[in-house]
Protein backbone atom coordinates (compact mmCIF):
# COMPACT_ATOMS: atom_id res chain seq x y z
CA MET A 1 11.67 -54.73 33.25
CA LYS A 2 12.24 -56.91 30.19
CA VAL A 3 14.99 -59.45 31.11
CA ARG A 4 12.20 -60.76 29.87
CA TRP A 5 12.93 -62.08 26.44
CA ALA A 6 16.48 -63.40 26.61
CA VAL A 7 15.84 -67.14 26.59
CA ALA A 8 12.77 -67.11 24.35
CA LEU A 9 14.50 -64.83 21.86
CA LEU A 10 17.40 -67.22 21.44
CA GLY A 11 15.14 -69.83 19.92
CA MET A 12 13.65 -67.29 17.51
CA LEU A 13 17.05 -66.06 16.36
CA LEU A 14 17.95 -69.32 14.69
CA GLY A 15 15.54 -68.62 11.87
CA VAL A 16 17.04 -65.25 10.95
CA ALA A 17 20.72 -65.64 11.84
CA ARG A 18 21.90 -68.03 9.17
CA ALA A 19 24.61 -65.58 8.10
CA ALA A 20 25.96 -65.33 11.66
CA PRO A 21 28.79 -67.65 12.72
CA PRO A 22 27.15 -70.99 13.69
CA ALA A 23 29.41 -71.25 16.74
CA ALA A 24 28.07 -67.94 18.02
CA VAL A 25 24.45 -69.08 17.81
CA GLY A 26 25.15 -72.47 19.33
CA GLY A 27 27.26 -70.93 22.05
CA ALA A 28 24.56 -68.46 22.98
CA LEU A 29 22.02 -71.25 23.31
CA ALA A 30 24.34 -73.39 25.41
CA GLU A 31 25.90 -70.78 27.68
CA PRO A 32 23.44 -69.03 30.01
CA ALA A 33 26.43 -67.37 31.73
CA ALA A 34 27.04 -65.41 28.48
CA ALA A 35 30.82 -65.88 28.52
CA GLY A 36 32.63 -63.06 26.77
CA PHE A 37 29.93 -60.47 27.37
CA ALA A 38 30.12 -57.73 29.97
CA GLN A 39 28.16 -58.49 33.15
CA ALA A 40 25.98 -56.28 35.34
CA LEU A 41 27.64 -56.94 38.70
CA THR A 42 27.89 -53.67 40.61
CA PRO A 43 26.16 -50.28 40.45
CA ARG A 44 27.60 -47.86 37.90
CA PRO A 45 26.91 -44.16 37.41
CA PHE A 46 24.71 -43.44 34.41
CA ALA A 47 25.97 -40.84 31.95
CA PHE A 48 23.49 -39.08 29.68
CA PRO A 49 22.91 -38.71 26.82
CA GLN A 50 25.44 -41.54 26.17
CA ASP A 51 23.50 -44.17 28.13
CA HIS A 52 20.39 -43.61 26.02
CA GLY A 53 22.35 -45.30 23.24
CA PRO A 54 23.42 -48.94 22.75
CA HIS A 55 25.72 -50.92 25.06
CA GLU A 56 27.28 -53.42 22.67
CA ALA A 57 29.46 -55.13 25.29
CA TYR A 58 26.27 -56.63 26.80
CA ARG A 59 24.24 -59.44 25.26
CA GLN A 60 20.70 -58.00 25.37
CA GLU A 61 19.15 -54.55 25.51
CA TRP A 62 15.78 -52.90 24.94
CA TRP A 63 14.25 -49.45 24.50
CA TYR A 64 10.67 -49.59 25.66
CA PHE A 65 7.82 -47.07 25.28
CA THR A 66 4.22 -47.26 26.47
CA GLY A 67 1.68 -44.48 26.74
CA GLN A 68 -1.88 -43.28 26.47
CA LEU A 69 -3.01 -40.73 23.89
CA ALA A 70 -6.05 -38.50 23.44
CA GLY A 71 -7.39 -37.14 20.16
CA ALA A 72 -9.07 -33.76 19.67
CA GLY A 73 -12.35 -35.54 18.95
CA GLY A 74 -12.32 -37.45 22.23
CA GLU A 75 -10.54 -40.55 20.89
CA HIS A 76 -8.47 -42.52 23.41
CA PHE A 77 -5.61 -44.87 22.54
CA GLY A 78 -2.88 -46.82 24.22
CA PHE A 79 0.39 -47.71 22.49
CA GLU A 80 3.47 -49.86 22.99
CA LEU A 81 6.65 -49.67 20.90
CA THR A 82 9.68 -51.68 21.99
CA PHE A 83 13.04 -52.28 20.30
CA PHE A 84 15.16 -55.26 21.37
CA ARG A 85 18.85 -55.80 20.58
CA PHE A 86 20.33 -59.27 21.02
CA ALA A 87 23.97 -60.14 20.34
CA LEU A 88 24.91 -63.55 18.97
CA ALA A 89 28.59 -63.17 19.85
CA PRO A 90 30.65 -60.83 22.05
CA PRO A 91 32.34 -57.86 20.36
CA ALA A 92 35.75 -59.50 20.80
CA GLN A 93 34.66 -62.34 18.49
CA GLN A 94 33.61 -59.98 15.72
CA SER A 95 36.44 -59.18 13.36
CA ALA A 96 36.77 -55.52 12.40
CA VAL A 97 37.72 -56.64 8.89
CA PRO A 98 35.29 -59.13 7.24
CA ALA A 99 36.91 -62.25 5.85
CA ALA A 100 37.32 -62.39 2.10
CA GLY A 101 34.08 -63.54 0.52
CA ALA A 102 32.05 -63.06 3.72
CA SER A 103 28.36 -62.45 3.11
CA ALA A 104 27.08 -58.89 3.46
CA TRP A 105 24.19 -60.44 5.40
CA ARG A 106 26.56 -61.64 8.12
CA SER A 107 25.59 -60.11 11.47
CA ARG A 108 26.61 -60.31 15.12
CA GLU A 109 23.30 -58.85 16.30
CA ILE A 110 19.58 -59.40 15.82
CA TYR A 111 16.90 -56.77 16.39
CA MET A 112 13.23 -57.29 17.19
CA ALA A 113 10.42 -54.78 17.71
CA HIS A 114 6.82 -54.93 18.91
CA PHE A 115 4.21 -52.29 18.09
CA ALA A 116 0.70 -52.40 19.58
CA VAL A 117 -2.27 -50.02 19.59
CA THR A 118 -5.24 -50.19 21.96
CA ASP A 119 -8.16 -48.47 20.19
CA ILE A 120 -10.60 -48.04 23.05
CA ALA A 121 -13.62 -46.66 21.19
CA ALA A 122 -13.38 -49.40 18.57
CA GLN A 123 -12.72 -52.03 21.27
CA ARG A 124 -9.81 -53.21 19.14
CA PHE A 125 -6.28 -54.30 20.00
CA ALA A 126 -3.84 -54.46 17.07
CA TYR A 127 -0.20 -55.53 17.19
CA ALA A 128 2.71 -56.36 14.91
CA GLN A 129 6.28 -57.63 15.16
CA LYS A 130 9.46 -57.10 13.15
CA LEU A 131 12.56 -59.28 13.36
CA GLN A 132 15.73 -58.36 11.47
CA ARG A 133 19.49 -58.85 11.47
CA ALA A 134 21.79 -55.86 11.90
CA ALA A 135 23.15 -56.00 8.35
CA LEU A 136 22.93 -53.83 5.24
CA GLY A 137 21.37 -51.04 7.30
CA LEU A 138 18.19 -53.05 7.89
CA ALA A 139 18.35 -52.66 11.67
CA GLY A 140 20.68 -51.22 14.26
CA ALA A 141 21.31 -48.79 17.08
CA GLN A 142 23.67 -45.86 17.51
CA GLY A 143 24.28 -43.00 19.89
CA ALA A 144 25.23 -39.34 19.33
CA PRO A 145 22.67 -38.79 17.89
CA LEU A 146 20.49 -41.56 19.26
CA ARG A 147 18.86 -43.78 16.66
CA VAL A 148 17.37 -47.29 16.95
CA TRP A 149 15.57 -48.82 13.98
CA ILE A 150 14.17 -51.85 12.24
CA ASP A 151 13.20 -51.10 8.64
CA ASP A 152 10.87 -48.07 8.86
CA TRP A 153 10.15 -48.41 12.59
CA SER A 154 12.42 -46.06 14.51
CA LEU A 155 13.40 -44.15 17.62
CA ALA A 156 15.43 -41.05 16.72
CA GLU A 157 16.78 -38.02 18.52
CA SER A 158 15.02 -34.91 17.22
CA GLY A 159 16.86 -32.04 18.87
CA ALA A 160 19.53 -31.21 21.43
CA GLY A 161 18.60 -29.77 24.80
CA ALA A 162 18.60 -30.33 28.54
CA ALA A 163 15.83 -32.92 28.27
CA PRO A 164 15.73 -35.77 25.72
CA ARG A 165 13.53 -35.01 22.70
CA TRP A 166 12.82 -38.01 20.51
CA GLN A 167 10.70 -39.08 17.56
CA LEU A 168 8.94 -42.43 17.28
CA HIS A 169 7.54 -43.98 14.13
CA ALA A 170 5.87 -47.35 13.50
CA ALA A 171 3.15 -48.63 11.20
CA GLN A 172 1.05 -51.76 10.86
CA GLU A 173 -2.14 -52.63 9.03
CA GLY A 174 -4.75 -50.02 10.00
CA TYR A 175 -2.52 -47.89 12.25
CA GLU A 176 0.51 -45.62 11.86
CA LEU A 177 2.11 -43.71 14.73
CA GLN A 178 4.30 -40.61 14.40
CA LEU A 179 5.14 -39.00 17.76
CA VAL A 180 7.47 -36.45 19.31
CA LEU A 181 8.34 -37.08 22.97
CA GLU A 182 10.04 -34.80 25.47
CA ALA A 183 11.11 -35.88 28.96
CA GLU A 184 9.45 -34.02 31.84
CA GLY A 185 12.02 -35.04 34.43
CA ALA A 186 15.40 -36.63 35.04
CA PRO A 187 16.08 -40.35 34.43
CA VAL A 188 15.15 -42.56 37.38
CA PRO A 189 17.63 -45.35 38.27
CA ASN A 190 15.87 -48.54 39.37
CA GLY A 191 17.17 -51.08 41.87
CA THR A 192 20.37 -50.10 43.68
CA ALA A 193 21.64 -47.00 41.86
CA GLY A 194 20.49 -48.54 38.58
CA LEU A 195 21.58 -52.15 39.21
CA SER A 196 18.45 -54.30 39.07
CA VAL A 197 19.14 -57.70 40.65
CA LYS A 198 16.77 -60.46 39.47
CA SER A 199 17.94 -63.47 41.54
CA ALA A 200 20.62 -64.71 43.93
CA ALA A 201 22.67 -66.19 41.07
CA SER A 202 25.90 -64.35 40.31
CA GLY A 203 25.45 -61.85 37.47
CA SER A 204 21.65 -62.23 37.37
CA ALA A 205 21.11 -58.51 37.02
CA SER A 206 20.77 -55.69 34.53
CA TYR A 207 21.26 -51.95 34.38
CA TYR A 208 17.85 -50.31 34.34
CA TYR A 209 16.54 -46.75 34.34
CA SER A 210 13.23 -45.12 33.44
CA LEU A 211 11.91 -41.82 32.16
CA PRO A 212 8.46 -42.19 33.72
CA ARG A 213 6.92 -39.07 32.17
CA LEU A 214 7.41 -37.92 28.60
CA ALA A 215 5.07 -35.35 27.06
CA VAL A 216 3.77 -36.63 23.73
CA GLN A 217 2.33 -34.96 20.65
CA GLY A 218 1.94 -36.16 17.10
CA THR A 219 -0.43 -38.15 14.93
CA LEU A 220 -2.03 -41.56 14.88
CA GLU A 221 -3.39 -42.61 11.52
CA ARG A 222 -6.33 -45.00 11.80
CA GLY A 223 -7.78 -46.56 8.68
CA GLY A 224 -6.32 -43.77 6.53
CA ALA A 225 -7.66 -40.94 8.73
CA ARG A 226 -5.01 -38.89 10.53
CA ILE A 227 -5.79 -37.95 14.15
CA ALA A 228 -3.78 -35.35 16.07
CA VAL A 229 -2.95 -36.75 19.51
CA THR A 230 -1.39 -35.64 22.76
CA GLY A 231 -0.62 -37.58 25.90
CA GLU A 232 2.05 -38.98 28.13
CA ALA A 233 4.47 -41.89 27.70
CA TRP A 234 6.76 -44.01 29.87
CA PHE A 235 10.26 -45.06 28.75
CA ASP A 236 12.36 -47.94 30.10
CA HIS A 237 15.91 -48.74 29.02
CA GLU A 238 17.57 -51.91 30.26
CA TRP A 239 20.67 -53.90 29.32
CA GLY A 240 22.58 -56.90 30.64
CA SER A 241 23.88 -60.34 29.71
CA ALA A 242 21.99 -62.83 31.87
CA PRO A 243 18.55 -64.42 31.44
CA LEU A 244 16.15 -64.84 34.32
CA ASP A 245 16.97 -67.60 36.79
CA THR A 246 15.74 -71.06 35.72
CA SER A 247 13.37 -71.13 38.72
CA GLN A 248 11.52 -68.04 37.42
CA ALA A 249 8.58 -68.49 35.05
CA GLY A 250 7.37 -64.93 34.40
CA TRP A 251 6.49 -61.56 35.85
CA ASP A 252 3.78 -58.94 36.30
CA TRP A 253 5.09 -55.41 35.60
CA PHE A 254 3.26 -52.19 36.51
CA ALA A 255 4.10 -48.64 35.37
CA LEU A 256 1.61 -46.06 36.68
CA GLN A 257 1.47 -42.29 36.22
CA LEU A 258 -0.62 -40.81 39.02
CA ALA A 259 -2.62 -37.58 38.98
CA ASP A 260 -0.74 -36.04 41.92
CA GLY A 261 2.48 -36.02 39.85
CA SER A 262 3.95 -39.20 41.34
CA THR A 263 4.86 -42.42 39.48
CA PHE A 264 4.94 -46.06 40.54
CA MET A 265 6.85 -48.95 38.95
CA PHE A 266 6.91 -52.51 40.26
CA TYR A 267 7.72 -55.93 38.81
CA ALA A 268 6.56 -59.09 40.56
CA LEU A 269 8.68 -62.05 39.45
CA ARG A 270 6.94 -65.43 39.66
CA ASP A 271 8.48 -68.84 40.25
CA ARG A 272 7.25 -72.01 38.54
CA HIS A 273 4.72 -72.56 41.32
CA GLY A 274 3.16 -69.14 40.78
CA GLN A 275 4.66 -67.67 43.96
CA ARG A 276 6.31 -64.27 44.06
CA ASP A 277 10.11 -64.23 44.01
CA ALA A 278 11.76 -62.21 46.77
CA HIS A 279 13.80 -60.29 44.18
CA SER A 280 10.67 -58.52 42.94
CA ALA A 281 11.15 -54.78 43.30
CA GLY A 282 10.07 -51.33 42.20
CA THR A 283 10.51 -47.57 42.41
CA PHE A 284 8.21 -44.77 43.59
CA VAL A 285 8.88 -41.15 42.57
CA ASP A 286 6.91 -38.39 44.28
CA ALA A 287 5.67 -35.20 42.63
CA HIS A 288 8.90 -33.39 43.58
CA GLY A 289 11.18 -36.01 42.04
CA ALA A 290 12.23 -37.75 45.25
CA MET A 291 12.84 -41.48 44.58
CA ARG A 292 12.19 -44.41 46.87
CA ALA A 293 13.18 -48.00 46.08
CA LEU A 294 10.46 -50.53 46.92
CA SER A 295 11.20 -54.05 48.11
CA SER A 296 8.94 -57.00 47.39
CA ALA A 297 7.69 -57.05 50.99
CA GLU A 298 6.49 -53.44 50.79
CA VAL A 299 4.08 -53.97 47.89
CA LEU A 300 0.85 -55.96 48.16
CA LEU A 301 -0.74 -57.09 44.88
CA THR A 302 -4.20 -58.66 44.87
CA PRO A 303 -5.79 -59.74 41.57
CA ALA A 304 -9.33 -58.38 41.28
CA GLY A 305 -10.49 -60.65 38.47
CA SER A 306 -9.30 -62.59 35.45
CA TRP A 307 -9.58 -62.74 31.67
CA VAL A 308 -9.40 -65.95 29.64
CA SER A 309 -8.27 -66.00 26.01
CA ALA A 310 -10.25 -67.93 23.40
CA ASP A 311 -7.87 -70.88 23.73
CA GLY A 312 -7.91 -70.98 27.51
CA VAL A 313 -4.96 -68.91 28.73
CA ARG A 314 -5.97 -67.21 31.99
CA TYR A 315 -4.49 -63.83 32.96
CA PRO A 316 -5.21 -61.70 36.01
CA SER A 317 -7.35 -58.72 34.98
CA GLY A 318 -7.58 -55.92 37.52
CA TRP A 319 -5.45 -55.45 40.62
CA ARG A 320 -5.50 -53.86 44.03
CA ILE A 321 -2.07 -52.35 44.71
CA GLN A 322 -1.20 -51.39 48.28
CA VAL A 323 1.97 -49.80 49.65
CA PRO A 324 1.25 -49.22 53.36
CA ALA A 325 4.50 -47.31 53.93
CA LEU A 326 3.35 -44.73 51.35
CA GLU A 327 -0.34 -44.82 52.42
CA LEU A 328 -1.05 -45.82 48.83
CA ASP A 329 -4.09 -47.92 47.92
CA LEU A 330 -4.89 -48.19 44.20
CA ASN A 331 -7.10 -50.18 41.86
CA ALA A 332 -5.91 -50.69 38.26
CA GLN A 333 -8.32 -51.91 35.60
CA PRO A 334 -7.59 -52.70 31.92
CA VAL A 335 -9.24 -50.28 29.49
CA LEU A 336 -9.78 -53.34 27.25
CA LYS A 337 -9.77 -56.94 28.49
CA ASP A 338 -8.06 -58.46 25.47
CA GLN A 339 -4.67 -56.78 25.05
CA GLU A 340 -2.76 -60.01 24.45
CA LEU A 341 0.07 -60.16 21.90
CA ARG A 342 -0.13 -63.64 20.43
CA LEU A 343 3.50 -63.79 19.45
CA SER A 344 6.40 -65.96 20.59
CA PRO A 345 6.80 -65.43 23.45
CA ARG A 346 3.11 -64.74 24.00
CA TYR A 347 2.18 -62.11 26.60
CA TRP A 348 -0.42 -59.57 27.70
CA GLU A 349 0.54 -55.89 27.64
CA GLY A 350 -2.08 -53.21 28.00
CA ALA A 351 -3.30 -49.81 29.05
CA VAL A 352 -4.97 -49.50 32.45
CA ALA A 353 -7.00 -46.86 34.30
CA VAL A 354 -6.23 -46.21 37.96
CA GLN A 355 -8.41 -45.08 40.86
CA GLY A 356 -7.61 -45.10 44.56
CA ARG A 357 -6.37 -43.11 47.48
CA ARG A 358 -3.15 -41.84 49.01
CA ALA A 359 -3.06 -40.66 52.60
CA GLY A 360 -6.87 -40.67 52.57
CA ARG A 361 -7.20 -38.48 49.48
CA ALA A 362 -8.73 -39.63 46.20
CA LEU A 363 -6.14 -40.29 43.52
CA GLY A 364 -6.53 -41.27 39.87
CA GLY A 365 -4.07 -42.11 37.15
CA ARG A 366 -3.22 -44.26 34.16
CA GLY A 367 -0.52 -46.64 33.09
CA TYR A 368 0.50 -49.92 31.55
CA VAL A 369 0.74 -53.51 32.80
CA GLU A 370 2.76 -56.38 31.31
CA LEU A 371 2.02 -60.05 32.10
CA VAL A 372 4.56 -62.60 30.91
CA GLY A 373 4.71 -66.37 31.33
CA TYR A 374 1.03 -67.23 31.74
CA ALA A 375 0.76 -68.90 28.34
CA GLN A 376 4.09 -70.70 28.79
CA GLU A 377 3.11 -71.97 32.24
CA ARG A 378 0.28 -74.04 30.73
CA CYS A 379 2.50 -75.69 28.08
CA PRO A 380 3.83 -79.25 28.38
CA ARG A 381 7.43 -79.31 29.54
CA GLY A 382 9.74 -79.13 26.53
CA ALA A 383 6.91 -78.25 24.10
CA THR A 384 7.86 -75.92 21.28
CA GLY A 385 5.25 -76.60 18.61
CA VAL A 386 2.20 -75.53 20.61
CA ALA A 387 0.97 -71.97 20.01
CA GLY A 388 2.44 -69.70 22.67
CA CYS A 389 4.88 -72.34 24.00
CA VAL A 390 8.63 -71.91 24.32
CA ALA A 391 11.29 -74.45 25.26
CA ARG A 392 11.99 -74.79 28.96
């Protein structure tokens, strides 16, 4: 659900976009309506494989993978790899022919990526970030065949077929991931036929679909030792041109793969008083592929505990998730308490284990949870120099 990073990203872009037209950067910071960019206003039919690729008419976009992996020796890992695209100016403002003497570093787009590994046996959470302009081949996105990359981190199509088959690669100190992923079902449109509305403001929406089950195989290199892994991943792809509404401070996002073959996704948007926004929503897919949109009122979330970072940021840690209409009653617990990415913006994103019941029958599962805004909510208004703070 990452509409997520639009406002915070804008502040970060200033440090890497010096070769972009200054008016484009200033305009992006000053114009939340994103004039000149396409808007997500009405449902549209998705077309695949084209929609797996970039949508350059829109201001922001992300390709988002999370999953849990098992090694042959009993090792257990979680991983996150996300690519973000952010445009500094609409396509119409980008000349097809560079002006004489224009810098080769000049770029209309910035890319960012996050890569995290939860190493459960070692009780270690490791993460890294890359930030790069789309110039000189350093970063970019293309379709037919699909490829998204920043330096040597990449998502790439690895073979034609009825179901998407992709390769992922990323590396950081101590960990390197090389995976092949194959979708086990059709893309799932979220919201109203893929239009995910985030507030009552005009245009406050994105196009959003998921591939909630991808079979995974490959290797994870840990400390120089290569481990063969298998598992299951979740993929989200979302694009639009509007940030969250100014009244919204963050969100709690849940993506759960359940043992009966069903999947559950829900994002709970929070206002600046910590209350849930009515535009919170989700999607449930049963074992046969039947989809059901979930409204905010249908999903009950009760924190079951909390975790506090070393510098005092408090996150919920453990949740009871109830959907009475589906006879679903689940408990999700982090596999590791500290799965916080101390970046800007700062957030918690981690692997969880699931136990519960559906229609009176025991039901297990696994998944990922993302918690955004908790560090920012404790910052002084307007603060930008405090660790974890962003401008409001």
